[in-house]
Amino acid sequence: MITTHSNEKGPSFWKLNTSLLSEIDYINQIRATIKDTQESYKNDCFVKNALMWEMTKLKIREQSLKYSTIKTTKISRDEEELEKEINNLQRLVESNNIEDEDKKDTLHTLDAKKIRIRKNN
């Protein structure tokens, strides 16, 4: 008789999004996280080097996930705002309630915003 075990899958391995390493805000937050972690445990006689390393990695992971979540939320919010602006400008152009000179400026602004949203995607 063959028995199979149903093992529940847990979270996979966390991998650092290395593109964050080019962002100075992220780097500064990670440096502060490392310093704070070392300061928190430096006088604890139960924390040896190996445990300190594991705690530091854990805190870096936590800070990285938090930073990424905030960044993703901000990008989504910015894209939604840009899409609203594009829709408003398109309605304005289509309404024919603006002068020709203003229409040119509006079309130029509309094109610039469309280019910006394409670059973000």
C-alpha atoms as a PDB file:
ATOM      1  CA  MET A   1       0.000   0.000   0.000  1.00  0.00           C
ATOM      2  CA  ILE A   2       1.312   3.427  -0.935  1.00  0.00           C
ATOM      3  CA  THR A   3       0.575   6.336   1.316  1.00  0.00           C
ATOM      4  CA  THR A   4       1.066   9.915   0.398  1.00  0.00           C
ATOM      5  CA  HIS A   5       1.484  12.720   2.816  1.00  0.00           C
ATOM      6  CA  SER A   6      -0.133  16.012   2.211  1.00  0.00           C
ATOM      7  CA  ASN A   7       2.365  18.611   3.289  1.00  0.00           C
ATOM      8  CA  GLU A   8       1.055  22.111   3.335  1.00  0.00           C
ATOM      9  CA  LYS A   9       3.211  24.510   1.460  1.00  0.00           C
ATOM     10  CA  GLY A  10       4.473  27.397   3.478  1.00  0.00           C
ATOM     11  CA  PRO A  11       5.940  30.657   2.335  1.00  0.00           C
ATOM     12  CA  SER A  12       8.778  30.315  -0.120  1.00  0.00           C
ATOM     13  CA  PHE A  13      12.265  31.657   0.350  1.00  0.00           C
ATOM     14  CA  TRP A  14      12.509  35.406   0.496  1.00  0.00           C
ATOM     15  CA  LYS A  15      14.733  36.985  -2.109  1.00  0.00           C
ATOM     16  CA  LEU A  16      15.973  40.538  -1.916  1.00  0.00           C
ATOM     17  CA  ASN A  17      14.805  42.762  -4.745  1.00  0.00           C
ATOM     18  CA  THR A  18      18.293  43.930  -5.694  1.00  0.00           C
ATOM     19  CA  SER A  19      16.952  46.955  -7.569  1.00  0.00           C
ATOM     20  CA  LEU A  20      16.312  48.461  -4.122  1.00  0.00           C
ATOM     21  CA  LEU A  21      20.080  48.638  -3.616  1.00  0.00           C
ATOM     22  CA  SER A  22      20.232  51.575  -6.017  1.00  0.00           C
ATOM     23  CA  GLU A  23      17.872  53.638  -3.830  1.00  0.00           C
ATOM     24  CA  ILE A  24      19.625  55.776  -1.239  1.00  0.00           C
ATOM     25  CA  ASP A  25      16.560  55.883   1.049  1.00  0.00           C
ATOM     26  CA  TYR A  26      16.478  52.098   1.189  1.00  0.00           C
ATOM     27  CA  ILE A  27      20.215  51.851   1.841  1.00  0.00           C
ATOM     28  CA  ASN A  28      19.977  54.375   4.684  1.00  0.00           C
ATOM     29  CA  GLN A  29      17.058  52.508   6.248  1.00  0.00           C
ATOM     30  CA  ILE A  30      18.930  49.198   6.087  1.00  0.00           C
ATOM     31  CA  ARG A  31      22.059  50.747   7.600  1.00  0.00           C
ATOM     32  CA  ALA A  32      19.952  52.124  10.453  1.00  0.00           C
ATOM     33  CA  THR A  33      18.267  48.735  10.871  1.00  0.00           C
ATOM     34  CA  ILE A  34      21.627  46.964  11.141  1.00  0.00           C
ATOM     35  CA  LYS A  35      22.927  49.516  13.626  1.00  0.00           C
ATOM     36  CA  ASP A  36      19.745  49.345  15.735  1.00  0.00           C
ATOM     37  CA  THR A  37      19.800  45.539  15.752  1.00  0.00           C
ATOM     38  CA  GLN A  38      23.427  45.442  16.873  1.00  0.00           C
ATOM     39  CA  GLU A  39      22.758  48.040  19.565  1.00  0.00           C
ATOM     40  CA  SER A  40      19.721  46.129  20.840  1.00  0.00           C
ATOM     41  CA  TYR A  41      21.598  42.893  21.385  1.00  0.00           C
ATOM     42  CA  LYS A  42      25.182  43.964  22.096  1.00  0.00           C
ATOM     43  CA  ASN A  43      24.852  43.601  25.892  1.00  0.00           C
ATOM     44  CA  ASP A  44      22.836  40.375  25.757  1.00  0.00           C
ATOM     45  CA  CYS A  45      25.145  37.544  26.860  1.00  0.00           C
ATOM     46  CA  PHE A  46      22.854  34.938  25.260  1.00  0.00           C
ATOM     47  CA  VAL A  47      23.252  36.383  21.775  1.00  0.00           C
ATOM     48  CA  LYS A  48      26.342  34.991  20.092  1.00  0.00           C
ATOM     49  CA  ASN A  49      27.649  35.934  16.649  1.00  0.00           C
ATOM     50  CA  ALA A  50      25.571  33.359  14.782  1.00  0.00           C
ATOM     51  CA  LEU A  51      22.350  34.463  16.471  1.00  0.00           C
ATOM     52  CA  MET A  52      23.252  38.117  15.935  1.00  0.00           C
ATOM     53  CA  TRP A  53      23.683  37.379  12.215  1.00  0.00           C
ATOM     54  CA  GLU A  54      20.291  35.640  12.053  1.00  0.00           C
ATOM     55  CA  MET A  55      18.594  38.505  13.923  1.00  0.00           C
ATOM     56  CA  THR A  56      20.215  41.046  11.598  1.00  0.00           C
ATOM     57  CA  LYS A  57      19.012  39.144   8.509  1.00  0.00           C
ATOM     58  CA  LEU A  58      15.523  38.909   9.992  1.00  0.00           C
ATOM     59  CA  LYS A  59      15.397  42.664  10.653  1.00  0.00           C
ATOM     60  CA  ILE A  60      16.733  43.430   7.158  1.00  0.00           C
ATOM     61  CA  ARG A  61      14.022  41.220   5.668  1.00  0.00           C
ATOM     62  CA  GLU A  62      11.317  42.926   7.738  1.00  0.00           C
ATOM     63  CA  GLN A  63      12.521  46.392   6.749  1.00  0.00           C
ATOM     64  CA  SER A  64      12.856  45.395   3.084  1.00  0.00           C
ATOM     65  CA  LEU A  65       9.310  44.028   2.949  1.00  0.00           C
ATOM     66  CA  LYS A  66       7.974  47.159   4.648  1.00  0.00           C
ATOM     67  CA  TYR A  67       9.890  49.448   2.279  1.00  0.00           C
ATOM     68  CA  SER A  68       8.732  47.500  -0.791  1.00  0.00           C
ATOM     69  CA  THR A  69       5.108  47.549   0.331  1.00  0.00           C
ATOM     70  CA  ILE A  70       5.161  51.304   0.901  1.00  0.00           C
ATOM     71  CA  LYS A  71       6.906  51.860  -2.446  1.00  0.00           C
ATOM     72  CA  THR A  72       4.386  49.683  -4.324  1.00  0.00           C
ATOM     73  CA  THR A  73       1.466  51.484  -2.685  1.00  0.00           C
ATOM     74  CA  LYS A  74       2.924  54.879  -3.610  1.00  0.00           C
ATOM     75  CA  ILE A  75       3.512  53.815  -7.220  1.00  0.00           C
ATOM     76  CA  SER A  76      -0.063  52.515  -7.497  1.00  0.00           C
ATOM     77  CA  ARG A  77      -1.453  55.714  -6.012  1.00  0.00           C
ATOM     78  CA  ASP A  78       0.645  57.838  -8.390  1.00  0.00           C
ATOM     79  CA  GLU A  79      -0.490  55.795 -11.399  1.00  0.00           C
ATOM     80  CA  GLU A  80      -4.149  56.119 -10.400  1.00  0.00           C
ATOM     81  CA  GLU A  81      -3.740  59.883 -10.052  1.00  0.00           C
ATOM     82  CA  LEU A  82      -2.014  60.083 -13.433  1.00  0.00           C
ATOM     83  CA  GLU A  83      -4.806  58.061 -15.066  1.00  0.00           C
ATOM     84  CA  LYS A  84      -7.425  60.400 -13.561  1.00  0.00           C
ATOM     85  CA  GLU A  85      -5.539  63.410 -14.908  1.00  0.00           C
ATOM     86  CA  ILE A  86      -5.318  61.801 -18.367  1.00  0.00           C
ATOM     87  CA  ASN A  87      -9.045  61.040 -18.372  1.00  0.00           C
ATOM     88  CA  ASN A  88      -9.891  64.596 -17.309  1.00  0.00           C
ATOM     89  CA  LEU A  89      -7.675  66.076 -20.008  1.00  0.00           C
ATOM     90  CA  GLN A  90      -9.166  63.788 -22.660  1.00  0.00           C
ATOM     91  CA  ARG A  91     -12.701  64.817 -21.661  1.00  0.00           C
ATOM     92  CA  LEU A  92     -11.671  68.459 -21.809  1.00  0.00           C
ATOM     93  CA  VAL A  93     -10.209  68.077 -25.303  1.00  0.00           C
ATOM     94  CA  GLU A  94     -13.230  66.127 -26.536  1.00  0.00           C
ATOM     95  CA  SER A  95     -15.693  68.622 -25.077  1.00  0.00           C
ATOM     96  CA  ASN A  96     -14.559  71.397 -27.459  1.00  0.00           C
ATOM     97  CA  ASN A  97     -15.067  73.932 -24.647  1.00  0.00           C
ATOM     98  CA  ILE A  98     -11.547  75.329 -24.935  1.00  0.00           C
ATOM     99  CA  GLU A  99      -9.838  77.735 -27.305  1.00  0.00           C
ATOM    100  CA  ASP A 100      -7.464  76.424 -29.984  1.00  0.00           C
ATOM    101  CA  GLU A 101      -4.357  77.787 -28.224  1.00  0.00           C
ATOM    102  CA  ASP A 102      -5.394  76.215 -24.912  1.00  0.00           C
ATOM    103  CA  LYS A 103      -6.258  73.000 -26.740  1.00  0.00           C
ATOM    104  CA  LYS A 104      -2.680  72.746 -28.066  1.00  0.00           C
ATOM    105  CA  ASP A 105      -1.288  73.150 -24.554  1.00  0.00           C
ATOM    106  CA  THR A 106      -3.767  70.614 -23.205  1.00  0.00           C
ATOM    107  CA  LEU A 107      -2.879  68.099 -25.914  1.00  0.00           C
ATOM    108  CA  HIS A 108       0.823  68.600 -25.178  1.00  0.00           C
ATOM    109  CA  THR A 109       0.214  68.010 -21.457  1.00  0.00           C
ATOM    110  CA  LEU A 110      -1.928  64.982 -22.249  1.00  0.00           C
ATOM    111  CA  ASP A 111       0.808  63.454 -24.422  1.00  0.00           C
ATOM    112  CA  ALA A 112       3.429  64.063 -21.726  1.00  0.00           C
ATOM    113  CA  LYS A 113       1.264  62.325 -19.104  1.00  0.00           C
ATOM    114  CA  LYS A 114       0.650  59.360 -21.425  1.00  0.00           C
ATOM    115  CA  ILE A 115       4.387  59.007 -21.958  1.00  0.00           C
ATOM    116  CA  ARG A 116       4.957  59.120 -18.181  1.00  0.00           C
ATOM    117  CA  ILE A 117       2.411  56.384 -17.527  1.00  0.00           C
ATOM    118  CA  ARG A 118       3.925  54.175 -20.267  1.00  0.00           C
ATOM    119  CA  LYS A 119       7.379  54.571 -18.696  1.00  0.00           C
ATOM    120  CA  ASN A 120       5.982  53.473 -15.312  1.00  0.00           C
ATOM    121  CA  ASN A 121       4.524  50.299 -16.802  1.00  0.00           C
END
